[in-house]
Every structure is written in structure tokens, then in C-alpha cells.
N, C-alpha and C. Protein backbone atom coordinates (compact mmCIF):
# COMPACT_ATOMS: atom_id res chain seq x y z
N MET A 1 1.07 -1.31 -0.05
CA MET A 1 -0.31 -0.18 0.27
C MET A 1 0.76 1.11 -0.01
N LYS A 2 1.97 1.44 0.82
CA LYS A 2 2.99 2.27 0.72
C LYS A 2 3.33 2.81 -0.66
N LYS A 3 3.63 1.53 -1.15
CA LYS A 3 4.43 2.30 -2.69
C LYS A 3 3.26 2.53 -3.36
N TRP A 4 2.41 2.46 -3.14
CA TRP A 4 0.81 2.96 -4.47
C TRP A 4 0.92 4.10 -3.88
N ILE A 5 0.86 4.49 -2.75
CA ILE A 5 0.85 5.73 -2.18
C ILE A 5 1.86 6.56 -3.11
N THR A 6 2.97 6.06 -2.69
CA THR A 6 4.42 6.89 -3.33
C THR A 6 4.06 7.11 -4.59
N ILE A 7 3.78 6.08 -5.59
CA ILE A 7 3.71 6.12 -6.93
C ILE A 7 2.50 7.28 -7.09
N ALA A 8 1.10 7.18 -6.48
CA ALA A 8 0.20 7.99 -6.58
C ALA A 8 0.64 9.25 -6.26
N MET A 9 1.61 9.81 -5.57
CA MET A 9 1.85 11.12 -5.16
C MET A 9 2.65 11.73 -6.18
N PHE A 10 3.91 10.91 -6.69
CA PHE A 10 4.55 11.01 -7.73
C PHE A 10 4.03 11.86 -8.99
N ALA A 11 2.75 10.66 -9.28
CA ALA A 11 2.37 10.98 -10.71
C ALA A 11 1.36 12.35 -10.24
N LEU A 12 0.58 12.67 -9.13
CA LEU A 12 -0.03 13.62 -8.73
C LEU A 12 0.69 14.82 -8.82
N PHE A 13 2.15 15.12 -8.59
CA PHE A 13 2.58 15.66 -8.45
C PHE A 13 3.32 16.32 -9.67
N THR A 14 3.63 15.37 -10.70
CA THR A 14 4.62 15.36 -12.04
C THR A 14 3.09 15.72 -13.20
N LEU A 15 2.28 14.78 -13.16
CA LEU A 15 1.49 14.85 -14.25
C LEU A 15 1.05 16.22 -14.69
N PRO A 16 0.49 17.24 -13.94
CA PRO A 16 -0.13 18.68 -13.97
C PRO A 16 1.16 18.93 -14.55
N SER A 17 1.97 19.20 -14.13
CA SER A 17 3.09 20.25 -14.68
C SER A 17 3.49 19.90 -16.15
N HIS A 18 4.10 21.27 -16.65
CA HIS A 18 4.76 21.28 -17.94
C HIS A 18 5.78 20.36 -18.12
N ALA A 19 5.96 19.47 -18.96
CA ALA A 19 7.12 18.89 -19.62
C ALA A 19 8.55 19.39 -18.62
N ALA A 20 9.19 18.47 -18.06
CA ALA A 20 10.39 19.00 -17.52
C ALA A 20 10.84 19.84 -16.96
N GLN A 21 9.91 20.37 -15.94
CA GLN A 21 9.91 21.81 -15.25
C GLN A 21 11.26 21.48 -14.08
N PHE A 22 12.50 22.07 -14.46
CA PHE A 22 13.40 21.63 -13.37
C PHE A 22 14.43 22.33 -13.92
N LYS A 23 15.13 22.89 -12.73
CA LYS A 23 16.52 23.74 -12.88
C LYS A 23 17.73 22.50 -12.31
N THR A 24 18.77 22.89 -13.01
CA THR A 24 20.45 22.29 -12.56
C THR A 24 21.08 23.32 -11.86
N ILE A 25 21.45 23.44 -10.59
CA ILE A 25 22.38 24.22 -9.91
C ILE A 25 23.37 23.08 -8.98
N LYS A 26 24.65 23.25 -9.71
CA LYS A 26 25.51 22.31 -9.48
C LYS A 26 25.10 21.06 -9.52
N ASN A 27 25.21 20.48 -8.48
CA ASN A 27 25.10 18.80 -8.59
C ASN A 27 23.35 18.50 -8.21
N SER A 28 22.76 19.45 -7.76
CA SER A 28 21.17 19.77 -7.51
C SER A 28 20.60 19.79 -9.03
N GLU A 29 19.57 18.90 -8.86
CA GLU A 29 18.52 18.83 -10.00
C GLU A 29 16.85 19.15 -9.36
N ILE A 30 16.59 20.33 -9.76
CA ILE A 30 15.19 20.75 -8.43
C ILE A 30 14.17 20.93 -9.64
N HIS A 31 13.34 20.01 -9.21
CA HIS A 31 11.97 20.02 -10.12
C HIS A 31 10.63 20.49 -9.17
N TYR A 32 9.98 21.28 -10.41
CA TYR A 32 8.97 21.65 -9.50
C TYR A 32 7.96 21.79 -10.13
N SER A 33 6.68 21.75 -9.79
CA SER A 33 5.63 21.88 -9.77
C SER A 33 4.35 22.50 -9.23
N ALA A 34 3.79 23.20 -9.78
CA ALA A 34 2.57 24.06 -9.22
C ALA A 34 0.99 23.63 -9.76
N PHE A 35 -0.10 23.58 -8.86
CA PHE A 35 -1.00 22.93 -9.46
C PHE A 35 -2.67 22.93 -8.63
N ASN A 36 -3.51 23.14 -8.85
CA ASN A 36 -4.96 23.05 -8.35
C ASN A 36 -4.83 21.98 -6.97
N SER A 37 -5.18 22.34 -5.93
CA SER A 37 -5.20 21.29 -4.93
C SER A 37 -6.55 20.34 -5.63
N ALA A 38 -7.32 21.12 -5.95
CA ALA A 38 -8.31 19.93 -6.44
C ALA A 38 -8.30 18.49 -7.34
N MET A 39 -7.00 18.80 -7.80
CA MET A 39 -6.72 17.49 -8.34
C MET A 39 -6.03 16.33 -7.82
N LEU A 40 -5.82 16.89 -6.38
CA LEU A 40 -5.42 15.63 -5.23
C LEU A 40 -6.88 14.94 -5.24
N THR A 41 -6.32 13.70 -4.77
CA THR A 41 -7.43 12.36 -4.79
C THR A 41 -7.58 12.77 -2.92
N PRO A 42 -9.00 12.72 -2.67
CA PRO A 42 -9.45 12.84 -1.05
C PRO A 42 -8.36 12.14 -0.47
N GLU A 43 -8.07 10.72 -0.63
CA GLU A 43 -7.30 9.86 -0.07
C GLU A 43 -5.81 10.44 0.25
N VAL A 44 -5.13 11.27 -0.92
CA VAL A 44 -3.59 11.66 -0.75
C VAL A 44 -3.99 13.07 0.01
N ALA A 45 -5.03 13.69 -0.12
CA ALA A 45 -4.98 15.32 0.51
C ALA A 45 -4.99 14.49 2.14
N THR A 46 -5.68 13.69 2.34
CA THR A 46 -6.20 13.44 3.94
C THR A 46 -5.01 12.83 4.45
N GLN A 47 -4.20 11.82 3.54
CA GLN A 47 -2.91 11.48 4.07
C GLN A 47 -1.82 11.97 4.12
N TYR A 48 -1.58 13.32 3.38
CA TYR A 48 -0.49 14.73 3.81
C TYR A 48 -1.03 15.74 4.44
N LYS A 49 -2.15 15.73 4.73
CA LYS A 49 -2.68 16.94 5.62
C LYS A 49 -2.50 18.24 4.65
N LEU A 50 -3.47 18.32 3.34
CA LEU A 50 -3.39 19.22 2.41
C LEU A 50 -4.87 19.39 2.38
N LYS A 51 -5.06 21.14 1.97
CA LYS A 51 -6.38 21.14 1.62
C LYS A 51 -6.64 20.77 0.28
N ARG A 52 -8.10 20.32 -0.10
CA ARG A 52 -8.24 20.25 -1.41
C ARG A 52 -10.00 21.01 -1.39
N ASN A 53 -9.17 21.87 -2.62
CA ASN A 53 -10.45 22.71 -2.76
C ASN A 53 -10.14 23.31 -4.21
N GLY A 54 -10.84 23.92 -4.81
CA GLY A 54 -10.57 24.41 -6.23
C GLY A 54 -10.13 26.15 -6.18
N TYR A 55 -9.85 26.84 -4.99
CA TYR A 55 -9.38 28.02 -4.62
C TYR A 55 -7.98 27.87 -4.01
N SER A 56 -7.39 26.71 -3.80
CA SER A 56 -6.21 26.59 -3.46
C SER A 56 -5.08 25.87 -3.87
N ALA A 57 -3.68 25.90 -3.81
CA ALA A 57 -2.92 25.72 -4.69
C ALA A 57 -1.90 24.87 -4.12
N ILE A 58 -1.03 24.23 -4.80
CA ILE A 58 0.26 23.10 -3.75
C ILE A 58 1.29 23.53 -4.91
N LEU A 59 2.24 24.26 -4.21
CA LEU A 59 3.59 24.04 -4.81
C LEU A 59 4.65 23.06 -4.70
N ASN A 60 4.93 21.76 -5.01
CA ASN A 60 5.83 20.47 -4.96
C ASN A 60 7.12 21.10 -5.25
N ILE A 61 8.15 21.08 -4.68
CA ILE A 61 9.52 20.57 -4.77
C ILE A 61 10.43 19.90 -4.35
N SER A 62 10.96 19.29 -5.65
CA SER A 62 11.88 17.88 -5.25
C SER A 62 13.45 18.74 -5.26
N VAL A 63 14.40 18.11 -4.65
CA VAL A 63 15.97 18.18 -4.80
C VAL A 63 16.75 16.97 -5.29
N LEU A 64 17.46 17.08 -5.89
CA LEU A 64 17.97 15.28 -6.65
C LEU A 64 19.16 15.42 -6.80
N ASP A 65 20.24 14.39 -6.26
CA ASP A 65 21.82 14.41 -6.44
C ASP A 65 21.99 14.00 -7.63
N THR A 66 22.44 14.81 -8.42
CA THR A 66 22.84 14.34 -10.04
C THR A 66 24.03 13.29 -9.80
N SER A 67 25.03 13.91 -8.71
CA SER A 67 26.58 13.25 -8.55
C SER A 67 26.31 11.67 -8.28
N LYS A 68 25.37 11.28 -8.06
CA LYS A 68 24.80 10.13 -7.03
C LYS A 68 24.42 9.02 -8.43
N LEU A 69 24.53 7.73 -8.20
CA LEU A 69 23.77 6.98 -9.07
C LEU A 69 22.33 6.60 -8.78
N GLY A 70 21.61 6.92 -9.68
CA GLY A 70 20.21 7.13 -9.34
C GLY A 70 19.43 8.50 -8.93
N LYS A 71 20.18 9.43 -8.89
CA LYS A 71 19.78 10.64 -8.73
C LYS A 71 19.20 10.53 -7.14
N PRO A 72 19.64 10.36 -6.42
CA PRO A 72 18.71 10.22 -4.70
C PRO A 72 18.03 11.45 -4.59
N ALA A 73 17.11 11.64 -4.14
CA ALA A 73 16.66 12.94 -3.12
C ALA A 73 17.13 13.12 -2.17
N VAL A 74 17.40 14.54 -1.72
CA VAL A 74 18.21 15.07 -0.69
C VAL A 74 17.66 16.05 -0.03
N ASN A 75 18.15 16.01 1.31
CA ASN A 75 17.51 17.26 1.85
C ASN A 75 17.87 18.31 1.85
N ALA A 76 17.01 19.47 2.08
CA ALA A 76 17.51 20.69 1.39
C ALA A 76 16.44 21.66 2.25
N LYS A 77 17.08 23.17 2.23
CA LYS A 77 16.40 24.30 3.25
C LYS A 77 15.27 24.80 2.14
N VAL A 78 14.02 24.90 1.85
CA VAL A 78 13.30 25.49 0.45
C VAL A 78 12.79 26.76 1.51
N THR A 79 12.85 27.97 0.71
CA THR A 79 12.26 29.14 1.33
C THR A 79 11.99 29.76 -0.17
N GLY A 80 10.29 30.67 -0.12
CA GLY A 80 10.55 31.50 -1.08
C GLY A 80 8.93 32.13 -1.40
N SER A 81 8.68 32.95 -2.36
CA SER A 81 7.84 33.26 -1.81
C SER A 81 7.15 33.80 -3.40
N SER A 82 5.78 34.31 -3.61
CA SER A 82 5.28 34.29 -5.23
C SER A 82 4.54 35.92 -5.12
N LYS A 83 4.16 36.19 -6.09
CA LYS A 83 3.75 37.83 -6.44
C LYS A 83 3.28 37.90 -7.60
N ASN A 84 1.93 38.09 -7.78
CA ASN A 84 1.20 38.15 -8.60
C ASN A 84 1.31 39.65 -9.56
N LEU A 85 0.23 39.95 -10.46
CA LEU A 85 0.59 40.93 -11.48
C LEU A 85 0.47 42.23 -10.69
N ILE A 86 -0.16 42.46 -9.57
CA ILE A 86 -0.18 43.98 -9.16
C ILE A 86 0.63 44.09 -8.02
N GLY A 87 1.58 42.96 -8.07
CA GLY A 87 3.08 43.26 -6.85
C GLY A 87 2.63 42.55 -5.30
N GLN A 88 1.35 42.26 -5.15
CA GLN A 88 1.29 41.18 -3.90
C GLN A 88 2.17 40.35 -3.75
N THR A 89 2.94 40.34 -2.59
CA THR A 89 3.86 39.34 -2.55
C THR A 89 3.20 38.39 -1.18
N ARG A 90 3.29 36.98 -1.36
CA ARG A 90 2.73 35.95 -0.16
C ARG A 90 3.96 35.24 -0.21
N GLN A 91 4.33 35.20 0.86
CA GLN A 91 5.59 34.14 1.41
C GLN A 91 4.90 32.71 1.54
N LEU A 92 5.66 31.93 1.08
CA LEU A 92 5.36 30.38 1.35
C LEU A 92 6.17 29.61 1.99
N ASN A 93 5.42 28.69 2.90
CA ASN A 93 5.64 28.50 4.23
C ASN A 93 5.88 26.50 3.53
N PHE A 94 7.04 26.42 3.17
CA PHE A 94 7.50 24.71 2.74
C PHE A 94 7.14 23.73 4.21
N ARG A 95 6.94 22.43 4.01
CA ARG A 95 7.02 21.17 4.92
C ARG A 95 7.41 20.33 4.01
N GLN A 96 8.30 19.72 4.59
CA GLN A 96 8.88 18.38 4.16
C GLN A 96 8.25 17.03 4.12
N VAL A 97 8.07 16.13 3.00
CA VAL A 97 7.27 15.18 3.21
C VAL A 97 8.19 14.14 2.82
N LYS A 98 8.08 12.86 3.42
CA LYS A 98 9.09 12.04 3.29
C LYS A 98 8.50 10.67 2.91
N GLU A 99 8.34 9.91 2.05
CA GLU A 99 7.46 8.66 1.74
C GLU A 99 8.58 8.32 0.88
N GLY A 100 9.41 6.85 1.66
CA GLY A 100 10.24 5.96 1.28
C GLY A 100 11.54 7.15 1.34
N ASP A 101 12.15 6.57 -0.04
CA ASP A 101 13.57 7.37 -0.39
C ASP A 101 13.40 8.71 -0.83
N ALA A 102 12.13 9.06 -1.65
CA ALA A 102 11.60 10.47 -1.77
C ALA A 102 11.19 11.12 -0.82
N ILE A 103 11.41 12.68 -1.39
CA ILE A 103 11.73 13.60 -0.29
C ILE A 103 11.01 14.84 -1.09
N TYR A 104 10.11 15.35 -0.66
CA TYR A 104 9.01 16.73 -1.26
C TYR A 104 9.09 17.88 -0.51
N TYR A 105 9.02 19.03 -0.60
CA TYR A 105 8.85 20.19 -0.16
C TYR A 105 7.34 20.97 -0.53
N LEU A 106 5.82 20.89 0.15
CA LEU A 106 4.80 21.57 -0.49
C LEU A 106 4.87 22.75 0.34
N ALA A 107 4.00 23.38 -0.63
CA ALA A 107 3.65 24.73 0.37
C ALA A 107 2.24 24.80 -0.58
N GLU A 108 1.24 25.32 0.31
CA GLU A 108 0.12 25.44 -0.04
C GLU A 108 -0.54 27.21 -0.05
N PHE A 109 -1.35 27.28 -0.81
CA PHE A 109 -1.28 28.97 -1.20
C PHE A 109 -2.73 29.22 -1.71
N PRO A 110 -3.16 30.38 -1.23
CA PRO A 110 -4.92 30.34 -2.16
C PRO A 110 -4.83 31.29 -3.61
N ILE A 111 -5.58 30.83 -4.55
CA ILE A 111 -5.42 31.43 -5.83
C ILE A 111 -6.62 32.15 -6.22
N SER A 112 -6.78 33.17 -7.35
CA SER A 112 -7.83 33.42 -7.96
C SER A 112 -7.61 32.93 -8.88
N ASN A 113 -8.98 32.84 -10.05
CA ASN A 113 -9.15 32.47 -11.32
C ASN A 113 -8.48 33.16 -11.87
N GLU A 114 -7.70 32.70 -12.95
CA GLU A 114 -6.60 33.67 -14.25
C GLU A 114 -5.85 34.12 -13.50
N GLU A 115 -5.33 33.77 -12.30
CA GLU A 115 -4.30 34.59 -11.75
C GLU A 115 -2.67 33.91 -12.15
N ASN A 116 -1.85 35.19 -12.57
CA ASN A 116 -0.57 34.65 -13.04
C ASN A 116 0.32 35.00 -11.49
N LEU A 117 0.89 34.01 -11.51
CA LEU A 117 1.91 34.18 -10.30
C LEU A 117 3.70 33.92 -10.41
N THR A 118 4.12 35.01 -10.20
CA THR A 118 5.84 34.63 -10.11
C THR A 118 6.51 34.02 -8.98
N PHE A 119 6.90 32.70 -9.06
CA PHE A 119 7.59 32.13 -8.10
C PHE A 119 9.11 32.18 -7.88
N ASN A 120 9.48 33.06 -6.66
CA ASN A 120 10.93 32.91 -6.28
C ASN A 120 11.12 32.18 -4.93
N ILE A 121 12.00 31.21 -5.83
CA ILE A 121 12.34 30.11 -4.49
C ILE A 121 13.56 29.76 -4.19
N ASP A 122 14.18 29.87 -3.11
CA ASP A 122 15.58 29.72 -2.75
C ASP A 122 15.91 28.23 -2.32
N ILE A 123 16.92 27.29 -2.84
CA ILE A 123 17.47 25.93 -2.20
C ILE A 123 18.69 26.08 -1.51
N ASP A 124 18.68 25.68 -0.53
CA ASP A 124 20.04 25.36 -0.28
C ASP A 124 20.11 24.06 0.28
N ALA A 125 20.86 23.17 -0.71
CA ALA A 125 21.22 21.73 -0.50
C ALA A 125 22.63 21.24 -0.20
N GLY A 126 22.93 22.67 0.44
CA GLY A 126 24.69 22.22 0.76
C GLY A 126 25.83 22.16 -0.40
N ASN A 127 26.35 21.41 -0.04
CA ASN A 127 27.69 21.10 -1.06
C ASN A 127 26.86 20.43 -1.91
N THR A 128 25.72 20.30 -2.26
CA THR A 128 25.19 19.42 -3.21
C THR A 128 24.83 20.81 -4.50
N GLY A 129 24.61 21.59 -3.91
CA GLY A 129 24.02 22.91 -4.61
C GLY A 129 23.28 24.02 -4.25
N SER A 130 23.04 24.80 -4.05
CA SER A 130 22.28 26.13 -3.73
C SER A 130 22.22 27.59 -4.53
N GLY A 131 20.85 27.49 -4.72
CA GLY A 131 20.53 29.00 -5.38
C GLY A 131 19.24 29.15 -5.39
N PRO A 132 18.76 30.17 -6.66
CA PRO A 132 17.32 30.45 -6.84
C PRO A 132 17.04 29.90 -8.04
N ILE A 133 15.50 29.64 -8.04
CA ILE A 133 15.08 29.35 -9.33
C ILE A 133 13.77 30.16 -9.11
N THR A 134 13.45 30.77 -10.62
CA THR A 134 12.12 31.56 -10.58
C THR A 134 11.19 30.97 -11.80
N PHE A 135 10.12 31.36 -11.36
CA PHE A 135 8.67 30.48 -12.71
C PHE A 135 7.78 31.32 -12.79
N ASN A 136 7.33 31.14 -13.56
CA ASN A 136 5.89 31.68 -13.98
C ASN A 136 4.77 30.60 -14.01
N GLN A 137 3.59 31.08 -13.55
CA GLN A 137 2.42 30.18 -13.80
C GLN A 137 1.37 30.77 -13.79
N LYS A 138 0.29 30.51 -14.38
CA LYS A 138 -1.25 30.55 -14.51
C LYS A 138 -2.19 29.78 -13.94
N PHE A 139 -2.97 30.06 -13.08
CA PHE A 139 -3.55 29.50 -12.25
C PHE A 139 -5.12 29.62 -12.68
N TYR A 140 -6.29 28.49 -12.26
CA TYR A 140 -7.25 28.42 -12.69
C TYR A 140 -8.21 27.86 -11.58
N VAL A 141 -9.08 28.49 -10.99
CA VAL A 141 -10.01 27.95 -10.02
C VAL A 141 -10.84 26.78 -10.27
N GLU A 142 -11.01 26.08 -10.04
CA GLU A 142 -11.99 24.66 -9.81
C GLU A 142 -13.41 24.52 -9.10
N GLU A 143 -14.17 25.19 -9.90
CA GLU A 143 -15.38 24.79 -9.09
C GLU A 143 -16.42 23.72 -8.79
């Protein structure tokens, strides 16, 4: 059952994203995905204590070590913020979720329909690699 949850979690956090959303910093491959939380199944939302509604979204970050065989997940300090088109900034609070060998950093935040957000995220994975990533995404409310 635990393996199924890991597979479901991985699929849910990667399928809604655009293809190959990652950035390489030194030996860190930072994958990121942001999506409406209504895309979560009720079981996954409950398991990971995530809000599931059409007016909130989740940002998922994972950091992989490219210098090691199999690119294992690594611990990192993840901080960041989002900014909308009128300049309102929101600090994102990330929490770490470990599932087997996988490590995810999740932040929940409210969204408005057709809201364009710019994400500024800082990753500190120590000697593996540290630095910023920035990306934009448009969100839609699910009613």
C-alpha cells in the first residue's frame, strides 16, 4: 500500500506540470510543480494533510543529487515567495514530506481564477548545490 501511495503522489505532483520543469544548480536537479489542489484525490489530501479545494494550490519541490547513481533525493532548505501581477507578495511556507526514498517540499497557497504568479524560490542543499529558481504560472479556479 505504501508503494502505491508513493506512486500516486509522484504521479499527482508531476503529471499536471509542464514537461521537464526543473533547473540544475551544481549537482542539484530541482524539480518543481504547481497545481490546483482539487487535482488531489481525497485519500492523498487526507494522508498528507493538504487542503483540497478549487481555490487553493500546491507547490511541490524536490531536490535530486545528480552526482550519485540513481539521482537520490536530498534534504534541502526551501524558502520562497510568490508575487501576482499587481505586486502583492506572499511568503510560502514549505513543509518536508518523506515517503520512502522520496523527499518533497510542499507549500499551499490560495489562488484566484486566471491568476498569474511569479515564484521566487531559494534552494539550499549544501554542497550538492544552492541557488534560486524563478518561474511563472497561471492558475484557474476549479468550481
